[in-house]
Structure formats: structure tokens, C-alpha cells
Amino acid sequence: MKTFVIAEAGSNHNNDYETALKLIDAATSAGCDAVKFQIFSSNNLYAKNTPDFAGYKNINELIESIEIPRDWISGLKTYCDHKNIEFMATPFDEEAVDQLCELDIKRIKIAGFEATDPRFVKYVAATGKPLIVTAGIGCDIKMINQILDWICEESDSRDITILHGNHAYPTPIKDINLGQLNVLKKQFEWDLKYWDFKLGLSDHTEGIFIPPLAVAMGASIIEKHFTLDRTMDGPDHAFAIEPNELTEMVKNIRLVEKTLSTKQGSFTESEEKFKKAMRSVVAKKSIKKGEVFDNNNITTKRPYVEGSISAKDFYKHIGKFALNDIKDDEIVLLKQSSLK
């Protein structure tokens, strides 16, 4: 199954439309399946009297400086359509939800900080669109089940993806807790089997090490912040990956996908030409026709050749007799043993 890779542009456009287009270009070139922006407004994201936190002073001014102009959205989607990459956006208010629905986008993402707000979750769910929900900060299994209940109360759609995530920016490796994916798989085993329910990762660690690991653990969707340049001004650039890293990350994810198939039969296609390095039954000394095979006259050595007695069947032939003379150190063939 191909992993759905979302390149999270977020607010890294820095209020420059050309930069936003370049982010789309970079995501396309990297081989991502979708590029996602964030639609929020300083007027309705934080209350005016929000205290300083996490090193941010005057959070409202910060949000105002990085919010995406809403008249860009249609143009960005059109550009994505032209580049054959899915346009996505995370809405943070009802107006943004409505705007995305008017553009008939394929799916809607609910951010982790908003996922525990039933009022907003229900509004998004009522669109009937497939949903991707980050269940990170403030979420345990009980909370995730509550979120799913809110969604199911408003929508008949069961195309829901839960992204495990950590909402520290950046997330320390010790706090990414990828083992949670196994917990979620076990908890939602029935849902994963019987309706369109998927698990993934929203990754805020630095670098590209974690996403391929998550895919190996069963994540079917990966979301990763990226930027054109980590030295640019703005809150999300420093921990994001750059275009060359995004390309490498996608490449590594596709390589991991190839490793997850299961072996069919005794040999893989690539092993066929190495079969001769396996062992066969070999004569320890000259054996006369009618002589009984035992530990004194047969042993096992490389190679294995077509028609030889495989080493794995050595004990099956002990006590059987030779059907013709066999020379010292000669590979014993199946047709030379009385076991048929």
C-alpha cells in the first residue's frame, strides 16, 4: 500500500504568494501526494488577552504576520491541480471550512490543538468530507474515542484518518512515542478491518529519520513540515525540512514500502541464482550399489544443484541404499537413493 505523503507548507509562505507557489513546486518535485497550507486569522484564533507562552510574546501580532490571505486559496488550489498534486488546507474557523467546501477539496484536516474542541470538530464533520485528525496534545485513547463519536454524530462518512503526533515544536526524539501506533492499531483493530479507517503520523521532529520508521510500523499517511529555507523568519521554519530533505524523505518512505512485502515460497526472485550456495548430500567416500547410506559414508556440503538431495532431507536418506555406484565426494542425486 502506498503511503500518502503530505508536505505541510503551513505558514511558511511568509505572506508571499510566489513563495507559496514555490512551496507547491518543491512538494511536487519531491514526489509528495499533497501539499497543505493552514487557514487561520488572528481575529478568531487567539483571544486578545492571551498571555505570553512557549517563548512567544504578543501571539496575536505573530499570527497576523503569518496568516494566509484568503483570496489566495482558490489560486493555490488551481495551481496544485495544474501541477497534479492534491491541494489541502487545515481550517481553523468556520469560514475557512466553508471556503474549502466551496472549492470541493477532497478531504479536510483537523489540527491537533483543535481536535479536542467538539464545537469545531462537529462543524467540520458535518461537511461529510473524509477527515484527517491529529490526535496528539491532550489525547489519550479515551479522548480519541470521544473525537470519533463527535465525528460519527455529524457524518455518515467513515473515511477517517487518525494521525499520532506530538505538539512540541520541534519534538524531541524521546517524546515522539512511535509505539503509540501499535497501541492505536490494537485499539482500533476492528475499525481498520471493516471501514475506511487509517492511522498515520504528524511529525514535528527535526530531520527525516522518523517518518520512514513510522511507515514501517504501519502508518499509511505521513505529514511533515517543510520550508524553502530554514533560515527564513517565522515560527515554523527552524524545525521544518528543506526541499532536498523532503525529496530524500519521500525516497526513503518508498524504499520502506518495498521492504514490507511478505515472502512467497522458499525463494525470492533475487535468491534464485544463489541456490547453489545451499548444501546437498555428498558421498564421504566411494559407495557401492546396494550399500546402505549412513553417517560414515554420506555428509553434507555445498553446492545444491537441480536433482540433488537437499541437506534438509539428509536424515530421510539414512538407512536407504544406493541404486548405483557413487564416487568419493560426489553429489548424491535423488535418483541414486532408494527413497522415492
Protein backbone atom coordinates (compact mmCIF):
# COMPACT_ATOMS: atom_id res chain seq x y z
CA MET A 1 0.00 0.00 0.00
CA LYS A 2 1.38 3.39 -1.00
CA THR A 3 1.89 5.86 1.83
CA PHE A 4 0.08 9.17 1.37
CA VAL A 5 2.72 11.86 1.98
CA ILE A 6 1.54 15.36 2.90
CA ALA A 7 4.06 18.17 2.57
CA GLU A 8 2.99 20.64 5.27
CA ALA A 9 3.70 24.13 3.96
CA GLY A 10 1.71 25.62 6.82
CA SER A 11 2.52 29.28 7.20
CA ASN A 12 5.98 29.04 5.64
CA HIS A 13 4.85 31.14 2.68
CA ASN A 14 5.70 34.25 4.77
CA ASN A 15 2.82 36.18 3.20
CA ASP A 16 4.39 35.98 -0.24
CA TYR A 17 2.32 34.37 -2.98
CA GLU A 18 5.33 33.47 -5.11
CA THR A 19 6.86 31.71 -2.13
CA ALA A 20 3.64 29.74 -1.73
CA LEU A 21 3.85 28.65 -5.36
CA LYS A 22 7.49 27.65 -4.92
CA LEU A 23 6.48 25.51 -1.94
CA ILE A 24 3.97 23.72 -4.17
CA ASP A 25 6.69 23.23 -6.78
CA ALA A 26 9.06 21.79 -4.17
CA ALA A 27 6.43 19.37 -2.84
CA THR A 28 5.63 18.23 -6.38
CA SER A 29 9.28 17.71 -7.27
CA ALA A 30 9.82 15.72 -4.08
CA GLY A 31 7.10 13.26 -5.09
CA CYS A 32 4.63 14.15 -2.35
CA ASP A 33 0.97 13.28 -2.76
CA ALA A 34 -0.40 16.52 -1.31
CA VAL A 35 0.75 19.94 -0.17
CA LYS A 36 -1.08 21.54 2.72
CA PHE A 37 -1.46 25.09 3.95
CA GLN A 38 -3.13 26.46 7.09
CA ILE A 39 -6.05 28.92 7.06
CA PHE A 40 -6.34 30.95 10.25
CA SER A 41 -6.96 34.50 11.34
CA SER A 42 -5.52 36.47 14.26
CA ASN A 43 -9.02 37.80 14.94
CA ASN A 44 -10.53 34.43 15.86
CA LEU A 45 -7.65 32.06 16.67
CA TYR A 46 -6.44 33.58 19.97
CA ALA A 47 -8.28 35.79 22.44
CA LYS A 48 -6.93 39.32 22.69
CA ASN A 49 -5.76 38.88 26.27
CA THR A 50 -3.71 35.72 25.59
CA PRO A 51 -0.63 35.71 27.88
CA ASP A 52 2.86 35.07 26.55
CA PHE A 53 3.74 31.36 26.30
CA ALA A 54 6.31 29.00 24.79
CA GLY A 55 8.62 31.94 24.17
CA TYR A 56 6.06 33.84 22.09
CA LYS A 57 5.23 37.42 23.02
CA ASN A 58 2.12 39.07 21.66
CA ILE A 59 0.85 35.96 19.93
CA ASN A 60 -1.84 37.92 18.08
CA GLU A 61 0.73 40.02 16.24
CA LEU A 62 2.65 36.88 15.34
CA ILE A 63 -0.45 35.17 13.93
CA GLU A 64 -1.38 38.26 11.97
CA SER A 65 2.08 38.32 10.39
CA ILE A 66 1.85 34.73 9.09
CA GLU A 67 -1.85 34.25 8.28
CA ILE A 68 -2.58 33.32 4.68
CA PRO A 69 -4.66 35.80 2.65
CA ARG A 70 -7.91 34.00 1.94
CA ASP A 71 -8.10 35.29 -1.59
CA TRP A 72 -5.03 33.15 -2.34
CA ILE A 73 -6.77 29.85 -1.64
CA SER A 74 -8.57 29.40 -4.94
CA GLY A 75 -5.43 30.27 -6.91
CA LEU A 76 -3.28 27.89 -4.88
CA LYS A 77 -5.72 25.05 -5.47
CA THR A 78 -5.80 25.78 -9.19
CA TYR A 79 -2.01 25.77 -9.28
CA CYS A 80 -1.93 22.44 -7.42
CA ASP A 81 -4.40 20.98 -9.90
CA HIS A 82 -2.13 22.14 -12.72
CA LYS A 83 0.90 20.54 -11.02
CA ASN A 84 -1.06 17.30 -10.40
CA ILE A 85 -0.63 17.40 -6.63
CA GLU A 86 -3.53 17.44 -4.18
CA PHE A 87 -4.24 20.79 -2.53
CA MET A 88 -5.02 20.54 1.17
CA ALA A 89 -5.55 23.06 3.92
CA THR A 90 -6.20 22.95 7.63
CA PRO A 91 -9.07 25.30 8.52
CA PHE A 92 -9.12 26.96 11.93
CA ASP A 93 -12.52 28.62 11.73
CA GLU A 94 -15.91 28.04 10.16
CA GLU A 95 -15.35 30.50 7.32
CA ALA A 96 -12.27 28.55 6.25
CA VAL A 97 -14.22 25.27 6.36
CA ASP A 98 -16.92 26.76 4.14
CA GLN A 99 -14.37 28.17 1.71
CA LEU A 100 -12.68 24.78 1.33
CA CYS A 101 -16.01 23.07 0.71
CA GLU A 102 -16.85 25.61 -1.98
CA LEU A 103 -13.61 24.61 -3.70
CA ASP A 104 -14.65 20.95 -3.44
CA ILE A 105 -11.41 19.76 -1.89
CA LYS A 106 -11.05 16.00 -1.38
CA ARG A 107 -10.53 15.95 2.39
CA ILE A 108 -10.19 18.22 5.42
CA LYS A 109 -7.55 18.15 8.12
CA ILE A 110 -8.36 18.94 11.76
CA ALA A 111 -5.29 20.16 13.65
CA GLY A 112 -4.27 18.67 16.96
CA PHE A 113 -4.98 21.78 19.02
CA GLU A 114 -8.50 21.93 17.56
CA ALA A 115 -9.25 18.18 17.74
CA THR A 116 -10.43 18.35 21.35
CA ASP A 117 -12.99 21.08 20.60
CA PRO A 118 -16.36 19.35 19.96
CA ARG A 119 -17.95 22.51 18.60
CA PHE A 120 -15.36 22.81 15.84
CA VAL A 121 -14.92 19.07 15.19
CA LYS A 122 -18.66 18.66 14.68
CA TYR A 123 -18.76 21.62 12.29
CA VAL A 124 -16.02 20.09 10.14
CA ALA A 125 -17.53 16.60 10.34
CA ALA A 126 -20.89 17.91 9.13
CA THR A 127 -19.30 18.62 5.74
CA GLY A 128 -19.30 14.86 5.13
CA LYS A 129 -15.76 15.08 3.75
CA PRO A 130 -13.09 12.47 4.50
CA LEU A 131 -11.23 13.68 7.60
CA ILE A 132 -7.65 13.57 8.83
CA VAL A 133 -7.39 14.31 12.54
CA THR A 134 -4.19 14.78 14.52
CA ALA A 135 -4.65 13.15 17.92
CA GLY A 136 -1.66 14.50 19.77
CA ILE A 137 -1.69 17.02 22.57
CA GLY A 138 -4.39 16.32 25.15
CA CYS A 139 -5.29 12.98 23.56
CA ASP A 140 -5.34 9.52 25.07
CA ILE A 141 -7.39 6.56 23.82
CA LYS A 142 -10.48 7.79 25.67
CA MET A 143 -10.18 11.22 24.03
CA ILE A 144 -9.67 9.72 20.58
CA ASN A 145 -12.83 7.65 21.02
CA GLN A 146 -14.66 10.82 22.04
CA ILE A 147 -13.43 12.61 18.90
CA LEU A 148 -14.64 9.71 16.76
CA ASP A 149 -18.03 9.87 18.48
CA TRP A 150 -18.31 13.59 17.69
CA ILE A 151 -17.48 12.89 14.04
CA CYS A 152 -19.92 10.00 13.73
CA GLU A 153 -22.71 12.06 15.27
CA GLU A 154 -22.46 14.52 12.38
CA SER A 155 -21.32 12.47 9.41
CA ASP A 156 -22.06 9.15 7.71
CA SER A 157 -18.57 9.13 6.21
CA ARG A 158 -16.24 6.59 7.78
CA ASP A 159 -13.19 7.75 5.82
CA ILE A 160 -11.26 8.92 8.87
CA THR A 161 -7.54 9.02 9.50
CA ILE A 162 -6.07 9.47 12.96
CA LEU A 163 -2.55 10.89 13.00
CA HIS A 164 -0.42 10.24 16.04
CA GLY A 165 1.63 13.31 16.86
CA ASN A 166 3.43 15.37 19.46
CA HIS A 167 2.82 19.09 19.63
CA ALA A 168 6.17 20.36 20.78
CA TYR A 169 7.94 22.34 18.06
CA PRO A 170 10.38 20.74 17.49
CA THR A 171 9.52 17.40 19.10
CA PRO A 172 12.43 15.72 20.90
CA ILE A 173 13.08 12.20 19.62
CA LYS A 174 12.41 10.81 23.10
CA ASP A 175 8.88 12.24 23.02
CA ILE A 176 7.72 11.08 19.59
CA ASN A 177 6.48 7.78 21.11
CA LEU A 178 6.08 5.82 17.88
CA GLY A 179 4.99 2.85 19.95
CA GLN A 180 1.65 4.62 20.19
CA LEU A 181 0.99 3.47 16.62
CA ASN A 182 0.94 -0.12 17.89
CA VAL A 183 -1.41 0.90 20.70
CA LEU A 184 -3.75 2.53 18.18
CA LYS A 185 -3.62 -0.47 15.83
CA LYS A 186 -4.63 -2.77 18.66
CA GLN A 187 -7.32 -0.43 19.98
CA PHE A 188 -8.90 0.19 16.59
CA GLU A 189 -8.28 -3.23 15.02
CA TRP A 190 -11.97 -3.72 14.17
CA ASP A 191 -12.26 -0.25 12.59
CA LEU A 192 -9.11 -0.76 10.50
CA LYS A 193 -10.56 -4.01 9.09
CA TYR A 194 -14.16 -3.11 8.47
CA TRP A 195 -14.28 0.53 7.41
CA ASP A 196 -12.07 3.13 5.82
CA PHE A 197 -10.15 3.95 8.99
CA LYS A 198 -6.43 4.66 8.75
CA LEU A 199 -3.51 5.57 11.00
CA GLY A 200 -0.63 7.90 10.32
CA LEU A 201 1.89 10.32 11.78
CA SER A 202 2.09 14.08 12.04
CA ASP A 203 5.81 14.55 12.61
CA HIS A 204 7.38 17.60 14.21
CA THR A 205 10.82 16.13 14.92
CA GLU A 206 13.83 17.61 13.22
CA GLY A 207 15.22 15.79 10.19
CA ILE A 208 13.80 12.89 8.19
CA PHE A 209 14.63 9.87 10.37
CA ILE A 210 11.20 9.34 11.96
CA PRO A 211 8.70 9.21 9.04
CA PRO A 212 10.13 6.09 7.34
CA LEU A 213 10.16 4.35 10.74
CA ALA A 214 6.51 5.21 11.19
CA VAL A 215 5.69 3.71 7.79
CA ALA A 216 7.49 0.51 8.82
CA MET A 217 5.23 0.46 11.89
CA GLY A 218 2.06 0.76 9.83
CA ALA A 219 1.49 4.48 9.25
CA SER A 220 -0.33 4.94 5.94
CA ILE A 221 -0.21 8.76 5.98
CA ILE A 222 2.76 10.98 6.82
CA GLU A 223 2.56 14.73 7.39
CA LYS A 224 5.80 16.70 7.60
CA HIS A 225 6.51 20.45 7.78
CA PHE A 226 8.82 21.79 5.11
CA THR A 227 10.27 25.13 4.08
CA LEU A 228 12.28 26.57 1.23
CA ASP A 229 14.95 27.70 3.69
CA ARG A 230 15.25 27.05 7.43
CA THR A 231 16.94 30.42 7.96
CA MET A 232 13.83 32.36 6.88
CA ASP A 233 11.97 34.39 9.50
CA GLY A 234 8.89 32.80 11.03
CA PRO A 235 7.96 30.36 13.81
CA ASP A 236 7.80 27.18 11.72
CA HIS A 237 10.90 27.40 9.54
CA ALA A 238 13.59 26.33 12.00
CA PHE A 239 12.26 22.80 12.65
CA ALA A 240 10.99 22.18 9.09
CA ILE A 241 12.90 20.22 6.47
CA GLU A 242 14.18 21.77 3.24
CA PRO A 243 13.30 20.63 -0.31
CA ASN A 244 16.29 18.30 -0.73
CA GLU A 245 15.42 16.63 2.59
CA LEU A 246 11.78 16.35 1.59
CA THR A 247 12.84 14.55 -1.59
CA GLU A 248 15.08 12.20 0.41
CA MET A 249 12.32 11.54 2.94
CA VAL A 250 9.85 10.53 0.23
CA LYS A 251 12.53 8.35 -1.39
CA ASN A 252 13.17 6.60 1.93
CA ILE A 253 9.45 6.08 2.54
CA ARG A 254 9.08 4.45 -0.89
CA LEU A 255 12.06 2.21 -0.12
CA VAL A 256 10.49 1.17 3.18
CA GLU A 257 7.25 0.32 1.36
CA LYS A 258 9.19 -2.12 -0.82
CA THR A 259 10.56 -3.88 2.26
CA LEU A 260 7.11 -4.57 3.74
CA SER A 261 6.00 -7.29 1.35
CA THR A 262 5.84 -10.88 2.61
CA LYS A 263 7.88 -13.79 1.22
CA GLN A 264 6.04 -16.13 -1.13
CA GLY A 265 7.55 -19.63 -1.27
CA SER A 266 11.06 -20.76 -0.36
CA PHE A 267 13.00 -18.42 -2.61
CA THR A 268 12.65 -14.81 -3.65
CA GLU A 269 13.35 -13.90 -7.26
CA SER A 270 16.74 -12.46 -6.30
CA GLU A 271 17.71 -15.61 -4.36
CA GLU A 272 17.21 -17.99 -7.28
CA LYS A 273 20.74 -17.53 -8.66
CA PHE A 274 22.22 -18.15 -5.19
CA LYS A 275 20.54 -21.54 -4.62
CA LYS A 276 23.79 -23.33 -5.46
CA ALA A 277 25.32 -21.99 -2.24
CA MET A 278 22.96 -24.25 -0.26
CA ARG A 279 24.04 -27.72 0.78
CA SER A 280 23.42 -31.16 -0.72
CA VAL A 281 24.11 -34.71 0.42
CA VAL A 282 27.63 -35.69 -0.67
CA ALA A 283 29.47 -39.03 -0.55
CA LYS A 284 32.15 -39.15 2.18
CA LYS A 285 33.85 -41.97 0.28
CA SER A 286 33.13 -44.29 -2.63
CA ILE A 287 29.78 -46.02 -2.23
CA LYS A 288 28.88 -49.27 -3.99
CA LYS A 289 25.47 -50.01 -5.49
CA GLY A 290 23.21 -51.50 -2.78
CA GLU A 291 25.28 -50.07 0.08
CA VAL A 292 23.18 -48.52 2.89
CA PHE A 293 23.55 -44.80 3.49
CA ASP A 294 24.77 -43.88 7.00
CA ASN A 295 26.78 -41.22 8.81
CA ASN A 296 30.01 -42.96 7.75
CA ASN A 297 29.50 -42.70 4.01
CA ILE A 298 27.46 -39.54 3.42
CA THR A 299 27.72 -35.95 4.68
CA THR A 300 26.54 -32.50 3.53
CA LYS A 301 28.43 -29.91 1.52
CA ARG A 302 27.80 -27.12 -0.91
CA PRO A 303 26.56 -26.79 -3.64
CA TYR A 304 22.90 -27.60 -4.14
CA VAL A 305 22.16 -28.49 -7.75
CA GLU A 306 18.99 -29.46 -9.56
CA GLY A 307 18.19 -33.09 -8.78
CA SER A 308 20.49 -33.39 -5.77
CA ILE A 309 19.36 -34.45 -2.31
CA SER A 310 18.91 -31.26 -0.29
CA ALA A 311 20.76 -31.15 3.03
CA LYS A 312 17.42 -30.66 4.78
CA ASP A 313 16.48 -34.23 3.73
CA PHE A 314 19.75 -35.80 4.97
CA TYR A 315 18.12 -37.88 7.71
CA LYS A 316 15.37 -39.10 5.39
CA HIS A 317 18.01 -40.98 3.39
CA ILE A 318 19.86 -42.54 6.32
CA GLY A 319 19.08 -46.29 6.12
CA LYS A 320 18.23 -46.17 2.41
CA PHE A 321 20.56 -47.76 -0.14
CA ALA A 322 22.42 -46.60 -3.20
CA LEU A 323 20.87 -47.51 -6.55
CA ASN A 324 24.23 -47.29 -8.32
CA ASP A 325 27.92 -46.73 -7.60
CA ILE A 326 28.75 -43.25 -6.28
CA LYS A 327 32.25 -41.78 -6.35
CA ASP A 328 34.04 -40.21 -3.36
CA ASP A 329 32.96 -36.56 -2.81
CA GLU A 330 30.28 -36.85 -5.49
CA ILE A 331 26.94 -35.09 -5.02
CA VAL A 332 24.28 -37.71 -4.34
CA LEU A 333 21.27 -37.35 -6.62
CA LEU A 334 17.68 -38.18 -5.70
CA LYS A 335 17.62 -40.83 -8.44
CA GLN A 336 20.58 -42.58 -6.74
CA SER A 337 18.70 -43.24 -3.47
CA SER A 338 16.10 -45.94 -2.80
CA LEU A 339 13.92 -43.26 -1.16
CA LYS A 340 11.47 -42.23 -3.83
